[in-house]
Protein backbone atom coordinates (compact mmCIF):
# COMPACT_ATOMS: atom_id res chain seq x y z
CA UNK A 1 6.74 31.74 13.39
CA UNK A 2 5.39 32.96 10.08
CA UNK A 3 1.67 33.33 9.54
CA UNK A 4 0.39 32.05 6.21
CA UNK A 5 -2.40 33.53 4.06
CA UNK A 6 -5.92 32.36 4.82
CA UNK A 7 -6.33 30.43 1.57
CA UNK A 8 -3.19 28.41 2.29
CA UNK A 9 -4.27 26.82 5.57
CA UNK A 10 -4.87 23.09 5.27
CA UNK A 11 -8.29 21.71 6.16
CA UNK A 12 -7.03 20.32 9.49
CA UNK A 13 -5.47 23.69 10.46
CA UNK A 14 -8.65 25.72 10.85
CA UNK A 15 -8.09 26.27 14.58
CA UNK A 16 -4.66 27.69 13.77
CA UNK A 17 -6.22 29.97 11.15
CA UNK A 18 -8.67 31.33 13.72
CA UNK A 19 -5.90 32.02 16.23
CA UNK A 20 -3.78 33.78 13.60
CA UNK A 21 -6.78 35.92 12.63
CA UNK A 22 -7.29 36.93 16.26
CA UNK A 23 -3.60 37.81 16.64
CA UNK A 24 -3.69 39.99 13.51
CA UNK A 25 -6.84 41.75 14.72
CA UNK A 26 -5.29 42.51 18.12
CA UNK A 27 -2.09 43.76 16.50
CA UNK A 28 -4.14 46.02 14.24
CA UNK A 29 -6.17 47.37 17.17
CA UNK A 30 -3.04 47.98 19.21
CA UNK A 31 -1.55 49.97 16.35
CA UNK A 32 -4.69 52.01 15.58
CA UNK A 33 -5.90 52.69 19.15
CA UNK A 34 -2.61 52.66 21.02
CA UNK A 35 -3.82 50.01 23.49
CA UNK A 36 -1.41 47.39 24.83
CA UNK A 37 -2.68 43.92 23.93
CA UNK A 38 0.70 42.20 24.39
CA UNK A 39 -0.56 39.89 27.16
CA UNK A 40 -3.53 38.71 25.07
CA UNK A 41 -1.33 38.26 21.99
CA UNK A 42 1.23 36.29 23.98
CA UNK A 43 -1.53 34.00 25.30
CA UNK A 44 -2.83 33.39 21.77
CA UNK A 45 0.68 32.63 20.53
CA UNK A 46 1.11 30.07 23.30
CA UNK A 47 -2.21 28.48 22.31
CA UNK A 48 -1.06 28.41 18.69
CA UNK A 49 2.17 26.60 19.56
CA UNK A 50 0.28 24.08 21.69
CA UNK A 51 -2.22 23.43 18.88
CA UNK A 52 0.54 23.01 16.28
CA UNK A 53 2.43 20.55 18.47
CA UNK A 54 -0.70 18.48 18.98
CA UNK A 55 -1.72 18.50 15.30
CA UNK A 56 1.71 17.78 13.80
CA UNK A 57 2.55 15.08 16.33
CA UNK A 58 -0.47 13.09 15.15
CA UNK A 59 -0.69 13.65 11.40
CA UNK A 60 -2.32 10.87 9.40
CA UNK A 61 -0.52 9.68 6.23
CA UNK A 62 -3.00 11.60 4.06
CA UNK A 63 -2.45 14.78 6.08
CA UNK A 64 1.30 14.28 5.63
CA UNK A 65 0.77 14.15 1.85
CA UNK A 66 -1.14 17.44 2.05
CA UNK A 67 1.71 19.06 4.00
CA UNK A 68 4.25 17.76 1.45
CA UNK A 69 2.20 19.43 -1.31
CA UNK A 70 1.64 22.74 0.49
CA UNK A 71 1.91 25.63 -2.00
CA UNK A 72 4.24 27.56 0.33
CA UNK A 73 6.58 24.62 1.00
CA UNK A 74 10.22 25.37 0.10
CA UNK A 75 11.09 24.22 -3.41
CA UNK A 76 14.38 23.50 -5.14
CA UNK A 77 14.91 27.20 -5.88
CA UNK A 78 14.77 28.05 -2.17
CA UNK A 79 17.52 25.52 -1.43
CA UNK A 80 19.68 26.74 -4.31
CA UNK A 81 19.32 30.34 -3.13
CA UNK A 82 19.81 29.80 0.60
CA UNK A 83 22.01 26.69 0.82
CA UNK A 84 24.20 26.50 -2.30
CA UNK A 85 26.85 29.14 -2.90
CA UNK A 86 27.98 30.13 -6.39
CA UNK A 87 25.53 27.79 -8.11
CA UNK A 88 26.27 27.43 -11.82
CA UNK A 89 23.55 25.65 -13.78
CA UNK A 90 24.44 23.15 -16.51
CA UNK A 91 22.01 22.54 -19.36
CA UNK A 92 21.01 19.86 -21.84
CA UNK A 93 21.33 16.09 -22.24
CA UNK A 94 23.33 16.26 -25.53
CA UNK A 95 20.61 14.20 -27.19
CA UNK A 96 17.22 15.94 -27.24
CA UNK A 97 16.91 19.09 -25.15
CA UNK A 98 17.03 20.85 -21.80
CA UNK A 99 14.28 19.66 -19.45
CA UNK A 100 13.32 22.48 -17.07
CA UNK A 101 11.82 19.97 -14.61
CA UNK A 102 15.35 18.80 -13.75
CA UNK A 103 17.94 21.35 -12.62
CA UNK A 104 21.64 20.44 -12.44
CA UNK A 105 24.72 22.44 -11.58
CA UNK A 106 27.91 22.88 -9.61
CA UNK A 107 27.93 24.78 -6.35
CA UNK A 108 29.27 24.81 -2.82
CA UNK A 109 27.61 23.64 0.41
CA UNK A 110 29.66 24.65 3.41
CA UNK A 111 33.27 24.08 2.31
CA UNK A 112 32.42 21.24 -0.06
CA UNK A 113 32.10 21.59 -3.82
CA UNK A 114 29.10 19.56 -4.96
CA UNK A 115 26.98 18.71 -7.95
CA UNK A 116 23.37 19.57 -7.06
CA UNK A 117 20.57 17.86 -9.00
CA UNK A 118 16.90 18.33 -8.22
CA UNK A 119 13.32 18.42 -9.42
CA UNK A 120 11.98 21.87 -10.25
CA UNK A 121 8.23 22.24 -9.63
CA UNK A 122 7.98 25.96 -10.24
CA UNK A 123 6.36 28.54 -7.98
CA UNK A 124 4.00 30.52 -10.23
CA UNK A 125 1.61 29.19 -12.89
CA UNK A 126 3.85 30.02 -15.86
CA UNK A 127 6.88 28.34 -14.31
CA UNK A 128 4.84 25.27 -13.30
CA UNK A 129 3.63 24.79 -16.87
CA UNK A 130 7.16 25.22 -18.23
CA UNK A 131 8.54 22.47 -16.01
CA UNK A 132 5.49 20.14 -16.09
CA UNK A 133 4.86 20.64 -12.35
CA UNK A 134 8.15 18.87 -11.58
CA UNK A 135 7.47 15.81 -13.75
CA UNK A 136 10.69 15.19 -15.68
CA UNK A 137 10.96 13.80 -19.21
CA UNK A 138 13.60 11.25 -20.31
CA UNK A 139 15.93 14.08 -21.32
CA UNK A 140 15.77 15.31 -17.74
CA UNK A 141 17.03 11.99 -16.37
CA UNK A 142 19.66 11.73 -19.11
CA UNK A 143 20.80 15.26 -18.29
CA UNK A 144 21.03 14.33 -14.61
CA UNK A 145 23.13 11.25 -15.38
CA UNK A 146 25.45 13.17 -17.70
CA UNK A 147 26.11 15.74 -14.96
CA UNK A 148 26.67 12.97 -12.37
CA UNK A 149 29.29 11.46 -14.67
CA UNK A 150 30.91 14.89 -14.99
CA UNK A 151 31.02 15.18 -11.19
CA UNK A 152 32.52 11.70 -10.99
CA UNK A 153 35.27 12.73 -13.44
CA UNK A 154 36.36 15.53 -11.11
CA UNK A 155 35.73 13.59 -7.86
CA UNK A 156 32.92 15.91 -6.73
CA UNK A 157 30.09 14.56 -4.49
CA UNK A 158 26.51 14.52 -5.78
CA UNK A 159 23.52 15.85 -3.81
CA UNK A 160 20.02 15.20 -5.18
CA UNK A 161 16.87 16.96 -3.95
CA UNK A 162 13.76 14.95 -4.79
CA UNK A 163 10.38 16.65 -5.16
CA UNK A 164 8.13 15.24 -7.88
CA UNK A 165 4.68 13.65 -8.22
CA UNK A 166 6.30 11.25 -10.72
CA UNK A 167 7.97 11.09 -14.11
CA UNK A 168 6.08 12.79 -16.94
CA UNK A 169 3.55 10.26 -18.35
CA UNK A 170 3.00 11.77 -21.80
CA UNK A 171 3.22 9.88 -25.10
CA UNK A 172 6.31 11.82 -26.16
CA UNK A 173 8.11 10.83 -22.96
CA UNK A 174 7.32 7.17 -23.57
CA UNK A 175 8.44 7.42 -27.21
CA UNK A 176 11.77 8.87 -26.09
CA UNK A 177 12.39 6.03 -23.61
CA UNK A 178 11.16 7.20 -20.20
CA UNK A 179 11.42 3.78 -18.54
CA UNK A 180 14.86 3.08 -19.97
CA UNK A 181 16.20 6.48 -18.92
CA UNK A 182 15.14 5.87 -15.31
CA UNK A 183 16.44 2.28 -15.34
CA UNK A 184 19.85 3.37 -16.64
CA UNK A 185 20.03 6.03 -13.90
CA UNK A 186 19.31 3.39 -11.23
CA UNK A 187 22.14 1.21 -12.53
CA UNK A 188 24.68 3.98 -13.00
CA UNK A 189 23.97 5.73 -9.68
CA UNK A 190 24.45 2.44 -7.82
CA UNK A 191 28.09 2.33 -8.97
CA UNK A 192 28.97 6.02 -9.19
CA UNK A 193 32.44 6.46 -7.68
CA UNK A 194 31.71 9.57 -5.62
CA UNK A 195 29.56 10.12 -2.51
CA UNK A 196 25.86 10.44 -3.37
CA UNK A 197 23.32 11.96 -0.95
CA UNK A 198 19.60 11.84 -1.84
CA UNK A 199 17.00 13.84 0.10
CA UNK A 200 13.22 13.82 -0.41
CA UNK A 201 12.22 17.44 0.31
CA UNK A 202 8.54 17.18 -0.66
CA UNK A 203 6.87 14.63 -2.86
CA UNK A 204 8.71 11.43 -3.74
CA UNK A 205 6.54 9.89 -6.42
CA UNK A 206 7.27 6.55 -8.09
CA UNK A 207 10.02 6.14 -10.71
CA UNK A 208 10.24 9.90 -11.06
CA UNK A 209 11.80 10.03 -7.60
CA UNK A 210 13.82 6.84 -8.03
CA UNK A 211 15.52 8.22 -11.14
CA UNK A 212 17.73 10.44 -8.95
CA UNK A 213 17.19 8.55 -5.68
CA UNK A 214 19.95 5.92 -5.46
CA UNK A 215 22.85 6.81 -3.20
CA UNK A 216 24.89 6.27 -0.08
CA UNK A 217 22.36 8.22 2.00
CA UNK A 218 18.61 8.36 1.31
CA UNK A 219 16.82 10.66 3.71
CA UNK A 220 13.54 12.55 3.98
CA UNK A 221 12.24 15.71 5.50
CA UNK A 222 9.89 14.90 8.36
CA UNK A 223 6.65 15.67 6.52
CA UNK A 224 7.69 14.61 3.02
CA UNK A 225 6.38 11.38 1.50
CA UNK A 226 7.97 8.69 -0.67
CA UNK A 227 5.81 6.15 -2.45
CA UNK A 228 5.56 3.77 -5.39
CA UNK A 229 2.41 5.61 -6.50
CA UNK A 230 0.38 8.63 -5.46
CA UNK A 231 -2.51 7.94 -3.04
CA UNK A 232 -4.99 9.14 -5.67
CA UNK A 233 -3.53 6.81 -8.31
CA UNK A 234 -3.56 3.88 -5.92
CA UNK A 235 -7.17 4.57 -4.95
CA UNK A 236 -8.20 4.81 -8.62
CA UNK A 237 -6.64 1.41 -9.34
CA UNK A 238 -7.82 -0.46 -6.24
CA UNK A 239 -11.25 1.07 -5.66
CA UNK A 240 -11.85 3.08 -8.86
CA UNK A 241 -12.63 5.94 -6.51
CA UNK A 242 -10.25 8.84 -5.93
CA UNK A 243 -12.00 9.75 -2.69
CA UNK A 244 -10.38 6.66 -1.15
CA UNK A 245 -6.98 8.40 -1.27
CA UNK A 246 -6.74 8.67 2.56
CA UNK A 247 -7.17 4.89 2.88
CA UNK A 248 -4.60 4.34 0.13
CA UNK A 249 -2.13 6.66 1.87
CA UNK A 250 -2.51 4.63 5.04
CA UNK A 251 -1.86 1.35 3.20
CA UNK A 252 1.14 2.63 1.20
CA UNK A 253 3.28 3.34 4.31
CA UNK A 254 4.63 6.46 2.64
CA UNK A 255 5.56 8.66 5.61
CA UNK A 256 9.12 9.19 6.82
CA UNK A 257 8.39 7.39 10.10
CA UNK A 258 7.01 4.32 8.32
CA UNK A 259 9.89 4.16 5.84
CA UNK A 260 12.51 4.63 8.54
CA UNK A 261 10.90 1.84 10.57
CA UNK A 262 11.04 -0.42 7.51
CA UNK A 263 14.70 0.40 6.93
CA UNK A 264 14.10 1.97 3.50
CA UNK A 265 15.55 5.39 4.40
CA UNK A 266 18.58 6.25 6.50
CA UNK A 267 17.53 9.41 8.34
CA UNK A 268 14.66 11.79 9.00
CA UNK A 269 15.47 15.52 8.84
CA UNK A 270 13.38 17.51 11.29
CA UNK A 271 11.10 20.29 10.10
CA UNK A 272 10.20 23.42 12.08
CA UNK A 273 7.04 23.34 14.17
CA UNK A 274 4.03 23.37 11.85
CA UNK A 275 5.92 22.15 8.77
CA UNK A 276 8.54 23.52 6.41
CA UNK A 277 6.13 26.06 4.88
CA UNK A 278 6.04 27.98 8.18
CA UNK A 279 9.79 28.52 8.37
CA UNK A 280 11.70 28.10 5.12
CA UNK A 281 14.97 29.42 6.57
CA UNK A 282 15.17 26.85 9.37
CA UNK A 283 14.17 24.02 7.02
CA UNK A 284 16.94 24.87 4.56
CA UNK A 285 19.40 25.20 7.47
CA UNK A 286 18.49 21.71 8.77
CA UNK A 287 19.01 20.21 5.31
CA UNK A 288 22.33 22.03 4.91
CA UNK A 289 23.60 20.74 8.27
CA UNK A 290 22.57 17.21 7.33
CA UNK A 291 24.36 17.38 3.98
CA UNK A 292 27.57 18.71 5.55
CA UNK A 293 27.50 16.02 8.27
CA UNK A 294 26.87 13.26 5.71
CA UNK A 295 29.65 14.46 3.42
CA UNK A 296 32.09 14.36 6.33
CA UNK A 297 31.05 10.79 7.19
CA UNK A 298 31.21 9.54 3.61
CA UNK A 299 34.51 11.33 2.99
CA UNK A 300 36.22 9.06 5.52
CA UNK A 301 35.65 6.01 3.29
CA UNK A 302 37.79 4.98 0.36
CA UNK A 303 36.03 4.97 -3.01
CA UNK A 304 36.05 1.17 -3.21
CA UNK A 305 34.62 0.86 0.32
CA UNK A 306 32.00 3.50 -0.48
CA UNK A 307 30.76 1.71 -3.60
CA UNK A 308 30.77 -1.70 -1.89
CA UNK A 309 28.83 -0.35 1.08
CA UNK A 310 26.27 1.22 -1.29
CA UNK A 311 25.94 -2.10 -3.11
CA UNK A 312 25.37 -4.03 0.13
CA UNK A 313 22.81 -1.44 1.23
CA UNK A 314 20.84 -1.83 -1.99
CA UNK A 315 21.03 -5.64 -1.81
CA UNK A 316 19.68 -5.58 1.75
CA UNK A 317 16.53 -3.58 0.91
CA UNK A 318 13.51 -5.58 2.01
CA UNK A 319 15.51 -8.20 3.90
CA UNK A 320 13.82 -7.42 7.21
CA UNK A 321 10.39 -7.65 5.59
CA UNK A 322 11.29 -10.99 3.99
CA UNK A 323 12.04 -12.42 7.42
CA UNK A 324 8.60 -11.42 8.67
CA UNK A 325 6.74 -12.78 5.64
CA UNK A 326 5.59 -16.43 5.88
CA UNK A 327 7.17 -18.64 3.20
CA UNK A 328 5.16 -19.24 0.03
CA UNK A 329 3.93 -22.79 -0.64
CA UNK A 330 6.27 -24.82 -2.80
CA UNK A 331 5.14 -25.43 -6.41
CA UNK A 332 3.62 -28.84 -7.04
CA UNK A 333 5.25 -29.58 -10.40
CA UNK A 334 8.59 -31.34 -9.97
CA UNK A 335 10.21 -29.58 -12.94
CA UNK A 336 9.92 -26.15 -11.29
CA UNK A 337 12.74 -25.27 -8.92
CA UNK A 338 12.14 -22.89 -6.04
CA UNK A 339 14.51 -19.94 -5.91
CA UNK A 340 16.00 -19.41 -2.46
CA UNK A 341 16.79 -15.76 -1.69
CA UNK A 342 20.44 -15.01 -0.95
CA UNK A 343 21.27 -14.54 2.75
CA UNK A 344 21.70 -10.99 3.98
CA UNK A 345 25.26 -9.75 3.89
CA UNK A 346 27.18 -9.77 7.17
CA UNK A 347 28.19 -6.16 6.60
CA UNK A 348 24.57 -4.94 6.78
CA UNK A 349 24.28 -1.90 9.02
CA UNK A 350 21.64 -2.45 11.73
CA UNK A 351 18.61 -0.18 11.51
CA UNK A 352 18.56 2.77 13.88
CA UNK A 353 16.27 2.56 16.89
């Protein structure tokens, strides 16, 4: 298990930081003095594993958000390097420009040729500024849709990797039709005639995530989050106090476990012990295995059955929650007709236990 630099330990990982420091000191002493400290090091490593299991089995929603934002967490570039063979990037939306916050291109995962589309956050400061910290502009979403249509033309599946705090909120983005670009993507992805697999690998923020998040499979890494708004934004609106972000995270039900329980995602992809930032290789491997398995499953369906199943899945979102919600009082005015929600389709796939 990889040790991480002292400045990159999260505030609830201080015990782990102390253990790692002790291990490094013993390793240094063993090297300089020639003394065998293997028994002591082994004992510390066992303590570290036990501590990590305890901490990560009981993360709060706010702690999960912190893990999803960890500076060492694998980003899109790590997946493209370690999971996608012969990746060839495609540029531009044929309208305005080439948004570096959205990366698109053909490649190969396993034996399958795929179109990979994902948010690019950037690793160093210069790259982060170039790609707006992963916040895409309208041209980014239009580029993504154009490449999806290209994949559809050649019957190539689409894999999207979602990792964004949200769509870029600048004036220029709004002037160029940010909301419309995302809305068009939602509509077109819902009827795309190729398999579409969407995976939240880090942050899944608001419409920025939704813009490439409609597909046959919507899954999340174990310690990613997916939410209508960031906890800080929610706290600022509800309490006008950003320090209430932990309470907002709890209320938003943004963790993979909560969303799976609510039937809003299909699967949870396991992360290595201590989070993806501690073992990038195993994290990428788990995602790769999930993509290959999903492509095999979806490949057994005809295109018409695939699109119909996707449609029924989208229509069924929230149906379980509607059943649990008490009915609203009927309006008093006789000229207002109550709208009765359509019954859930009989082809709805039951939620996993």
